[in-house]
Amino acid sequence: MSPARIFWLALKIVAALWMAAAGYAIFFIAPDEATMHAIQRIFYIHVGSGWTAGVAFLVVAVAGGLYLFKRDPRFDWAGVAAAETGLAFTTVLIVTGPIWAKPIWGIWWTWDARLTSTFVTWLMYIAYLLIRTLVDDKQRRAVLCAVYGIFAFVDVPIVFMTIRWWRGQHPSAVIAGAQPGSGLDFTMRAVLFFTWGATTALFVVLMRARYRLEAIRCATEELRQQAEDSVVAPASTRPDAGGSRPLVGLHG
């Protein structure tokens, strides 16, 4: 087994164990929140998934910029791998939010700044993936997705700043920008960052798997195209083509 395969196998094991340890920390190490109690524990996976999605979308933007600069298809593969994986984490973010909100605030969803901007981000990266299915030319598709991936990332810092710029139903910031006297208990903070590390490790594993799938897909597409080009030969090159042939002996 090559060193690279050993490394990725080890990373998969580490990510799995890290996620399991994060689950244990969420339920058995983090203290009970004073007012929300057990339901607040969803906060750790909710925020961890959101931060990991932000990292994934940053990778999309960086990969898009590198593709535009170098025109290396590997950056396009990295972009789609990060976008699809980031979209999965955004979906976890959107699903866990209402599960947390309903028993505490009495509503599943409200169109305040944070929730609306997050939903817009989710739709924008769905659109990114749709673009890849609508454009057949691979180079044109890669350029469009690179430009779009850079543009779509603009919404990510807006999502991060919404609860600092506007007040709404969503809880206020508990890390950067938290008001004096608010914020997380030290153990809660440690569990949050530990969970974020676990979801980030999972993101790396999933992105790498999706990257390999995209590389295989592109290689298969090229082989199929080469096979089609080699099978369909011009009629004029065939010995039995239907052109006129000289009649031997007709003129003596």
Protein backbone atom coordinates (compact mmCIF):
# COMPACT_ATOMS: atom_id res chain seq x y z
CA MET A 1 0.00 0.00 0.00
CA SER A 2 1.38 3.41 -1.00
CA PRO A 3 2.09 6.11 1.63
CA ALA A 4 -0.70 8.26 0.19
CA ARG A 5 -3.28 5.49 0.59
CA ILE A 6 -2.07 4.82 4.13
CA PHE A 7 -2.42 8.53 4.93
CA TRP A 8 -5.99 8.76 3.63
CA LEU A 9 -7.00 5.52 5.34
CA ALA A 10 -5.61 6.87 8.60
CA LEU A 11 -7.46 10.14 8.09
CA LYS A 12 -10.74 8.28 7.58
CA ILE A 13 -10.21 6.40 10.83
CA VAL A 14 -9.28 9.60 12.66
CA ALA A 15 -12.34 11.41 11.28
CA ALA A 16 -14.65 8.58 12.35
CA LEU A 17 -13.17 8.42 15.85
CA TRP A 18 -13.18 12.21 16.12
CA MET A 19 -16.87 12.38 15.21
CA ALA A 20 -17.65 9.68 17.77
CA ALA A 21 -15.65 11.54 20.42
CA ALA A 22 -17.45 14.78 19.52
CA GLY A 23 -20.79 13.06 20.03
CA TYR A 24 -19.67 11.84 23.43
CA ALA A 25 -18.45 15.34 24.36
CA ILE A 26 -21.73 16.92 23.28
CA PHE A 27 -23.86 14.63 25.45
CA PHE A 28 -21.62 13.82 28.40
CA ILE A 29 -18.98 16.55 28.78
CA ALA A 30 -20.66 19.81 27.78
CA PRO A 31 -22.64 21.25 30.72
CA ASP A 32 -26.39 21.63 30.59
CA GLU A 33 -27.50 25.06 29.40
CA ALA A 34 -29.40 26.92 32.14
CA THR A 35 -32.57 27.80 30.21
CA MET A 36 -32.76 25.54 27.14
CA HIS A 37 -31.37 22.38 28.78
CA ALA A 38 -30.95 19.24 26.61
CA ILE A 39 -32.23 20.68 23.31
CA GLN A 40 -29.39 23.22 23.34
CA ARG A 41 -26.91 20.40 22.72
CA ILE A 42 -27.90 20.44 19.04
CA PHE A 43 -26.10 23.79 18.98
CA TYR A 44 -22.70 22.10 18.69
CA ILE A 45 -23.42 20.14 15.51
CA HIS A 46 -25.52 23.03 14.17
CA VAL A 47 -22.73 25.60 14.48
CA GLY A 48 -19.99 23.12 13.60
CA SER A 49 -21.76 22.23 10.36
CA GLY A 50 -22.29 25.89 9.51
CA TRP A 51 -18.64 26.79 10.04
CA THR A 52 -17.52 23.76 8.04
CA ALA A 53 -19.82 24.75 5.19
CA GLY A 54 -18.16 28.18 5.21
CA VAL A 55 -14.74 26.53 4.90
CA ALA A 56 -16.02 24.39 2.02
CA PHE A 57 -17.36 27.41 0.13
CA LEU A 58 -14.06 29.22 0.66
CA VAL A 59 -12.36 26.23 -0.99
CA VAL A 60 -14.81 26.57 -3.91
CA ALA A 61 -13.87 30.23 -4.39
CA VAL A 62 -10.12 29.60 -4.09
CA ALA A 63 -10.29 26.63 -6.47
CA GLY A 64 -12.25 28.78 -8.93
CA GLY A 65 -9.64 31.52 -8.82
CA LEU A 66 -6.82 29.02 -9.32
CA TYR A 67 -8.65 27.45 -12.26
CA LEU A 68 -9.09 30.82 -13.96
CA PHE A 69 -5.39 31.50 -13.45
CA LYS A 70 -3.92 28.10 -14.41
CA ARG A 71 -6.73 26.35 -16.36
CA ASP A 72 -5.87 23.09 -14.61
CA PRO A 73 -8.93 20.78 -14.52
CA ARG A 74 -7.91 19.51 -11.09
CA PHE A 75 -8.98 22.85 -9.60
CA ASP A 76 -12.38 22.44 -11.26
CA TRP A 77 -12.67 18.99 -9.70
CA ALA A 78 -11.77 20.44 -6.31
CA GLY A 79 -14.38 23.17 -6.76
CA VAL A 80 -17.27 20.82 -7.45
CA ALA A 81 -16.14 18.44 -4.70
CA ALA A 82 -16.08 21.25 -2.13
CA ALA A 83 -19.37 22.73 -3.35
CA GLU A 84 -21.24 19.45 -3.11
CA THR A 85 -19.79 18.63 0.30
CA GLY A 86 -20.41 22.16 1.59
CA LEU A 87 -23.99 21.96 0.40
CA ALA A 88 -24.44 18.78 2.48
CA PHE A 89 -23.20 20.58 5.60
CA THR A 90 -25.44 23.56 4.83
CA THR A 91 -28.38 21.18 4.63
CA VAL A 92 -27.49 19.86 8.10
CA LEU A 93 -27.35 23.47 9.30
CA ILE A 94 -30.78 24.29 7.89
CA VAL A 95 -32.38 21.10 9.20
CA THR A 96 -30.98 21.29 12.74
CA GLY A 97 -31.91 24.97 13.13
CA PRO A 98 -35.70 24.46 13.12
CA ILE A 99 -35.36 21.35 15.32
CA TRP A 100 -33.67 23.59 17.90
CA ALA A 101 -35.95 26.60 17.34
CA LYS A 102 -39.37 24.97 17.62
CA PRO A 103 -39.30 23.90 21.31
CA ILE A 104 -37.46 27.07 22.41
CA TRP A 105 -39.02 29.89 20.38
CA GLY A 106 -42.22 28.19 19.30
CA ILE A 107 -41.63 28.46 15.53
CA TRP A 108 -39.91 26.31 12.95
CA TRP A 109 -38.76 29.12 10.68
CA THR A 110 -38.87 32.88 10.33
CA TRP A 111 -37.55 35.03 7.52
CA ASP A 112 -35.08 37.05 9.56
CA ALA A 113 -31.69 38.12 8.21
CA ARG A 114 -29.65 35.09 9.33
CA LEU A 115 -32.11 32.44 8.20
CA THR A 116 -32.92 34.14 4.91
CA SER A 117 -29.28 34.71 3.95
CA THR A 118 -28.44 31.10 4.86
CA PHE A 119 -31.28 29.83 2.70
CA VAL A 120 -30.09 32.04 -0.17
CA THR A 121 -26.58 30.57 0.17
CA TRP A 122 -28.05 27.05 0.04
CA LEU A 123 -29.93 27.92 -3.16
CA MET A 124 -26.87 29.55 -4.72
CA TYR A 125 -24.77 26.41 -4.37
CA ILE A 126 -27.60 24.26 -5.67
CA ALA A 127 -27.50 26.56 -8.70
CA TYR A 128 -23.73 25.97 -8.92
CA LEU A 129 -24.33 22.24 -9.24
CA LEU A 130 -27.16 22.78 -11.73
CA ILE A 131 -24.85 24.81 -13.97
CA ARG A 132 -22.59 21.79 -14.23
CA THR A 133 -25.45 19.71 -15.62
CA LEU A 134 -26.58 22.34 -18.15
CA VAL A 135 -23.28 23.13 -19.91
CA ASP A 136 -21.84 20.32 -22.03
CA ASP A 137 -18.51 21.86 -23.02
CA LYS A 138 -16.21 21.01 -20.10
CA GLN A 139 -13.92 24.03 -20.44
CA ARG A 140 -16.78 26.48 -20.70
CA ARG A 141 -18.51 24.75 -17.79
CA ALA A 142 -15.37 24.99 -15.66
CA VAL A 143 -14.95 28.70 -16.40
CA LEU A 144 -18.59 29.49 -15.62
CA CYS A 145 -18.47 27.52 -12.38
CA ALA A 146 -15.21 29.15 -11.34
CA VAL A 147 -16.62 32.64 -11.82
CA TYR A 148 -19.91 31.72 -10.18
CA GLY A 149 -18.15 30.04 -7.23
CA ILE A 150 -16.21 33.22 -6.53
CA PHE A 151 -19.36 35.33 -6.80
CA ALA A 152 -21.44 33.00 -4.59
CA PHE A 153 -18.89 33.16 -1.78
CA VAL A 154 -19.78 36.84 -1.26
CA ASP A 155 -22.90 35.68 0.58
CA VAL A 156 -20.90 33.63 3.13
CA PRO A 157 -19.45 36.57 5.13
CA ILE A 158 -22.85 38.26 4.88
CA VAL A 159 -24.41 35.22 6.61
CA PHE A 160 -21.73 35.40 9.30
CA MET A 161 -22.32 39.09 9.97
CA THR A 162 -26.13 39.20 9.87
CA ILE A 163 -26.62 38.63 13.62
CA ARG A 164 -24.10 41.38 14.30
CA TRP A 165 -25.73 43.86 11.90
CA TRP A 166 -29.41 43.09 12.59
CA ARG A 167 -31.37 41.59 15.44
CA GLY A 168 -33.86 38.87 14.73
CA GLN A 169 -35.19 35.58 16.00
CA HIS A 170 -31.79 33.92 15.68
CA PRO A 171 -29.64 33.93 18.88
CA SER A 172 -26.93 36.58 19.09
CA ALA A 173 -23.24 35.84 18.64
CA VAL A 174 -21.57 33.76 21.34
CA ILE A 175 -17.98 33.82 20.03
CA ALA A 176 -16.62 36.80 18.08
CA GLY A 177 -18.65 39.92 18.73
CA ALA A 178 -20.47 38.54 21.78
CA GLN A 179 -21.71 41.20 24.17
CA PRO A 180 -20.01 41.58 27.59
CA GLY A 181 -21.45 39.12 30.04
CA SER A 182 -22.71 36.81 27.29
CA GLY A 183 -20.92 34.03 25.48
CA LEU A 184 -20.11 30.42 26.19
CA ASP A 185 -18.87 28.64 29.27
CA PHE A 186 -15.25 27.49 28.82
CA THR A 187 -16.24 23.81 28.53
CA MET A 188 -19.00 24.64 26.06
CA ARG A 189 -16.53 26.61 23.97
CA ALA A 190 -14.03 23.74 24.03
CA VAL A 191 -16.69 21.22 22.97
CA LEU A 192 -17.83 23.55 20.17
CA PHE A 193 -14.35 23.87 18.69
CA PHE A 194 -13.72 20.15 19.17
CA THR A 195 -16.92 19.40 17.25
CA TRP A 196 -15.95 21.84 14.53
CA GLY A 197 -12.62 20.04 14.19
CA ALA A 198 -14.48 16.75 13.80
CA THR A 199 -16.84 18.08 11.12
CA THR A 200 -13.90 19.66 9.29
CA ALA A 201 -12.02 16.35 9.29
CA LEU A 202 -15.17 14.69 7.94
CA PHE A 203 -15.39 17.39 5.27
CA VAL A 204 -11.81 16.67 4.12
CA VAL A 205 -12.55 12.95 3.83
CA LEU A 206 -15.81 13.49 1.94
CA MET A 207 -14.32 16.12 -0.36
CA ARG A 208 -11.42 13.87 -1.25
CA ALA A 209 -13.82 11.03 -2.11
CA ARG A 210 -15.93 13.39 -4.26
CA TYR A 211 -12.78 14.75 -5.93
CA ARG A 212 -11.70 11.24 -6.91
CA LEU A 213 -15.19 10.52 -8.25
CA GLU A 214 -15.05 13.67 -10.41
CA ALA A 215 -11.59 12.75 -11.70
CA ILE A 216 -12.81 9.26 -12.64
CA ARG A 217 -15.91 10.74 -14.29
CA CYS A 218 -13.83 13.09 -16.43
CA ALA A 219 -11.39 10.33 -17.39
CA THR A 220 -14.29 8.07 -18.37
CA GLU A 221 -15.84 10.85 -20.43
CA GLU A 222 -12.58 11.37 -22.32
CA LEU A 223 -12.17 7.64 -22.99
CA ARG A 224 -15.74 7.41 -24.25
CA GLN A 225 -15.19 10.35 -26.58
CA GLN A 226 -11.95 8.83 -27.91
CA ALA A 227 -13.70 5.52 -28.50
CA GLU A 228 -16.51 7.21 -30.42
CA ASP A 229 -14.03 9.15 -32.56
CA SER A 230 -12.05 6.02 -33.40
CA VAL A 231 -15.10 3.92 -34.29
CA VAL A 232 -16.66 6.43 -36.70
CA ALA A 233 -14.16 6.58 -39.58
CA PRO A 234 -14.69 8.78 -42.68
CA ALA A 235 -16.38 6.89 -45.49
CA SER A 236 -13.72 7.96 -47.99
CA THR A 237 -11.05 5.99 -46.12
CA ARG A 238 -12.89 2.68 -46.45
CA PRO A 239 -11.81 0.36 -49.28
CA ASP A 240 -15.44 -0.52 -50.09
CA ALA A 241 -16.70 3.06 -50.13
CA GLY A 242 -19.34 3.72 -52.72
CA GLY A 243 -17.18 5.83 -55.10
CA SER A 244 -16.57 4.90 -58.77
CA ARG A 245 -13.83 2.36 -59.42
CA PRO A 246 -11.92 2.05 -62.73
CA LEU A 247 -13.15 -0.78 -64.97
CA VAL A 248 -10.07 -2.79 -65.94
CA GLY A 249 -9.93 -3.80 -69.64
CA LEU A 250 -12.80 -1.55 -70.77
CA HIS A 251 -10.50 0.45 -73.05
CA GLY A 252 -8.43 -2.44 -74.27
